Amino acid sequence: MLFFLPLDYFSSINLRTPISLQDRNCSICHVTHTSQWHRHSKPGHYLCAACYRKQQRIMKSIKNKKENDRI
């Protein structure tokens, strides 16, 4: 079975055009310079290294809490 997408399906995301490093800003703290950029779960959004690490710690604690609740 084939599925066809409308021609303008990806036009709002525009996956073909790379975002230059000067145009990036963190989706959480809005800094424009960082040692490393990470992709956000939303297309076209980025996280700075500090916010990415913080999000990783939060997600890990949520995962551990869920596992402890099951026991």
N, C-alpha and C. Protein backbone atom coordinates (compact mmCIF):
# COMPACT_ATOMS: atom_id res chain seq x y z
N MET A 1 0.85 -1.17 0.00
CA MET A 1 0.00 0.00 0.00
C MET A 1 0.90 1.24 0.00
N LEU A 2 0.62 2.15 -0.87
CA LEU A 2 1.41 3.38 -0.98
C LEU A 2 0.66 4.55 -0.36
N PHE A 3 1.42 5.40 0.28
CA PHE A 3 0.86 6.63 0.84
C PHE A 3 1.57 7.80 0.19
N PHE A 4 0.82 8.77 -0.21
CA PHE A 4 1.38 9.95 -0.83
C PHE A 4 1.19 11.15 0.07
N LEU A 5 2.24 11.92 0.20
CA LEU A 5 2.18 13.14 1.01
C LEU A 5 1.96 14.33 0.09
N PRO A 6 1.26 15.34 0.55
CA PRO A 6 1.11 16.54 -0.28
C PRO A 6 2.47 17.19 -0.54
N LEU A 7 2.57 17.89 -1.65
CA LEU A 7 3.85 18.48 -2.04
C LEU A 7 4.37 19.49 -1.02
N ASP A 8 3.49 20.16 -0.32
CA ASP A 8 3.93 21.17 0.64
C ASP A 8 4.06 20.62 2.06
N TYR A 9 4.11 19.30 2.22
CA TYR A 9 4.16 18.69 3.54
C TYR A 9 5.38 19.14 4.34
N PHE A 10 6.56 19.18 3.71
CA PHE A 10 7.78 19.55 4.41
C PHE A 10 8.17 21.01 4.21
N SER A 11 7.35 21.79 3.57
CA SER A 11 7.74 23.17 3.27
C SER A 11 7.90 24.01 4.52
N SER A 12 7.12 23.75 5.57
CA SER A 12 7.25 24.55 6.78
C SER A 12 8.51 24.21 7.55
N ILE A 13 8.98 22.97 7.45
CA ILE A 13 10.19 22.56 8.16
C ILE A 13 11.43 22.92 7.35
N ASN A 14 11.37 22.78 6.04
CA ASN A 14 12.46 23.08 5.13
C ASN A 14 13.72 22.32 5.54
N LEU A 15 13.71 21.01 5.38
CA LEU A 15 14.80 20.15 5.81
C LEU A 15 16.05 20.31 4.96
N ARG A 16 15.93 20.82 3.77
CA ARG A 16 17.07 20.89 2.87
C ARG A 16 18.02 22.04 3.19
N THR A 17 17.55 23.09 3.81
CA THR A 17 18.38 24.25 4.08
C THR A 17 19.00 24.14 5.46
N PRO A 18 20.34 23.99 5.53
CA PRO A 18 20.97 23.90 6.85
C PRO A 18 20.96 25.26 7.56
N ILE A 19 20.85 25.22 8.86
CA ILE A 19 20.88 26.45 9.66
C ILE A 19 22.33 26.73 10.01
N SER A 20 22.79 27.93 9.72
CA SER A 20 24.17 28.26 10.03
C SER A 20 24.34 28.37 11.54
N LEU A 21 25.56 28.22 12.00
CA LEU A 21 25.83 28.27 13.43
C LEU A 21 25.51 29.64 14.01
N GLN A 22 25.61 30.70 13.21
CA GLN A 22 25.32 32.03 13.73
C GLN A 22 23.83 32.22 14.00
N ASP A 23 22.98 31.48 13.29
CA ASP A 23 21.54 31.65 13.43
C ASP A 23 20.93 30.79 14.53
N ARG A 24 21.74 29.94 15.16
CA ARG A 24 21.20 29.04 16.18
C ARG A 24 21.10 29.74 17.53
N ASN A 25 20.06 29.38 18.25
CA ASN A 25 19.96 29.79 19.65
C ASN A 25 19.27 28.67 20.41
N CYS A 26 19.58 28.57 21.69
CA CYS A 26 19.04 27.51 22.53
C CYS A 26 17.55 27.75 22.73
N SER A 27 16.77 26.69 22.61
CA SER A 27 15.32 26.80 22.77
C SER A 27 14.91 27.05 24.21
N ILE A 28 15.80 26.78 25.16
CA ILE A 28 15.46 26.96 26.57
C ILE A 28 16.03 28.26 27.11
N CYS A 29 17.36 28.46 27.00
CA CYS A 29 17.98 29.64 27.62
C CYS A 29 18.33 30.73 26.61
N HIS A 30 18.17 30.48 25.34
CA HIS A 30 18.33 31.45 24.25
C HIS A 30 19.76 31.95 24.06
N VAL A 31 20.78 31.20 24.50
CA VAL A 31 22.16 31.60 24.22
C VAL A 31 22.44 31.35 22.75
N THR A 32 23.41 32.07 22.20
CA THR A 32 23.74 31.92 20.79
C THR A 32 25.11 31.28 20.57
N HIS A 33 25.92 31.15 21.62
CA HIS A 33 27.24 30.53 21.50
C HIS A 33 27.38 29.42 22.53
N THR A 34 27.85 28.27 22.09
CA THR A 34 28.08 27.14 22.98
C THR A 34 29.15 26.25 22.38
N SER A 35 29.70 25.37 23.19
CA SER A 35 30.75 24.48 22.69
C SER A 35 30.17 23.40 21.78
N GLN A 36 28.92 23.03 22.00
CA GLN A 36 28.31 21.99 21.17
C GLN A 36 26.80 22.17 21.15
N TRP A 37 26.21 21.99 19.97
CA TRP A 37 24.76 22.08 19.82
C TRP A 37 24.16 20.69 19.76
N HIS A 38 22.96 20.55 20.30
CA HIS A 38 22.22 19.28 20.26
C HIS A 38 20.83 19.55 19.71
N ARG A 39 20.29 18.57 19.01
CA ARG A 39 18.95 18.72 18.45
C ARG A 39 17.90 18.61 19.54
N HIS A 40 16.89 19.42 19.41
CA HIS A 40 15.72 19.36 20.30
C HIS A 40 14.75 18.35 19.71
N SER A 41 13.79 17.92 20.48
CA SER A 41 12.80 16.97 19.96
C SER A 41 11.91 17.62 18.89
N LYS A 42 11.81 18.94 18.91
CA LYS A 42 11.05 19.66 17.88
C LYS A 42 11.97 19.93 16.69
N PRO A 43 11.52 19.67 15.47
CA PRO A 43 12.35 19.93 14.30
C PRO A 43 12.72 21.41 14.19
N GLY A 44 13.99 21.66 13.91
CA GLY A 44 14.46 23.03 13.73
C GLY A 44 14.84 23.73 15.01
N HIS A 45 14.73 23.07 16.15
CA HIS A 45 15.09 23.67 17.42
C HIS A 45 16.36 22.99 17.95
N TYR A 46 17.15 23.75 18.72
CA TYR A 46 18.41 23.24 19.24
C TYR A 46 18.56 23.54 20.71
N LEU A 47 19.42 22.76 21.39
CA LEU A 47 19.75 22.97 22.79
C LEU A 47 21.24 23.21 22.91
N CYS A 48 21.62 24.11 23.81
CA CYS A 48 23.04 24.30 24.10
C CYS A 48 23.52 23.10 24.92
N ALA A 49 24.82 22.98 25.09
CA ALA A 49 25.38 21.83 25.80
C ALA A 49 24.88 21.78 27.24
N ALA A 50 24.79 22.92 27.92
CA ALA A 50 24.36 22.94 29.32
C ALA A 50 22.90 22.51 29.46
N CYS A 51 22.03 23.04 28.63
CA CYS A 51 20.60 22.68 28.71
C CYS A 51 20.39 21.22 28.32
N TYR A 52 21.17 20.73 27.37
CA TYR A 52 21.07 19.32 26.97
C TYR A 52 21.42 18.41 28.15
N ARG A 53 22.52 18.73 28.85
CA ARG A 53 22.92 17.92 30.00
C ARG A 53 21.85 17.97 31.10
N LYS A 54 21.29 19.14 31.32
CA LYS A 54 20.24 19.28 32.33
C LYS A 54 19.02 18.45 31.95
N GLN A 55 18.62 18.48 30.67
CA GLN A 55 17.48 17.69 30.22
C GLN A 55 17.76 16.20 30.37
N GLN A 56 19.01 15.78 30.10
CA GLN A 56 19.37 14.38 30.26
C GLN A 56 19.24 13.93 31.71
N ARG A 57 19.69 14.78 32.65
CA ARG A 57 19.57 14.45 34.07
C ARG A 57 18.10 14.34 34.48
N ILE A 58 17.28 15.26 33.99
CA ILE A 58 15.85 15.24 34.32
C ILE A 58 15.20 13.97 33.78
N MET A 59 15.48 13.64 32.53
CA MET A 59 14.88 12.45 31.93
C MET A 59 15.34 11.18 32.65
N LYS A 60 16.62 11.15 33.06
CA LYS A 60 17.14 9.98 33.78
C LYS A 60 16.44 9.83 35.13
N SER A 61 16.23 10.95 35.84
CA SER A 61 15.57 10.87 37.14
C SER A 61 14.11 10.45 36.99
N ILE A 62 13.45 10.90 35.94
CA ILE A 62 12.06 10.49 35.69
C ILE A 62 12.00 8.99 35.40
N LYS A 63 12.95 8.52 34.59
CA LYS A 63 12.99 7.09 34.26
C LYS A 63 13.24 6.26 35.51
N ASN A 64 14.19 6.70 36.35
CA ASN A 64 14.48 5.96 37.58
C ASN A 64 13.28 5.97 38.53
N LYS A 65 12.59 7.09 38.60
CA LYS A 65 11.42 7.19 39.47
C LYS A 65 10.32 6.23 39.01
N LYS A 66 10.11 6.15 37.69
CA LYS A 66 9.10 5.23 37.16
C LYS A 66 9.47 3.78 37.46
N GLU A 67 10.76 3.45 37.33
CA GLU A 67 11.20 2.09 37.62
C GLU A 67 11.03 1.76 39.10
N ASN A 68 11.31 2.72 39.97
CA ASN A 68 11.17 2.49 41.41
C ASN A 68 9.70 2.37 41.82
N ASP A 69 8.82 3.07 41.12
CA ASP A 69 7.40 2.99 41.43
C ASP A 69 6.82 1.62 41.07
N ARG A 70 7.40 0.97 40.07
CA ARG A 70 6.92 -0.35 39.66
C ARG A 70 7.29 -1.42 40.68
N ILE A 71 8.37 -1.21 41.38
CA ILE A 71 8.87 -2.23 42.33
C ILE A 71 8.08 -2.24 43.60
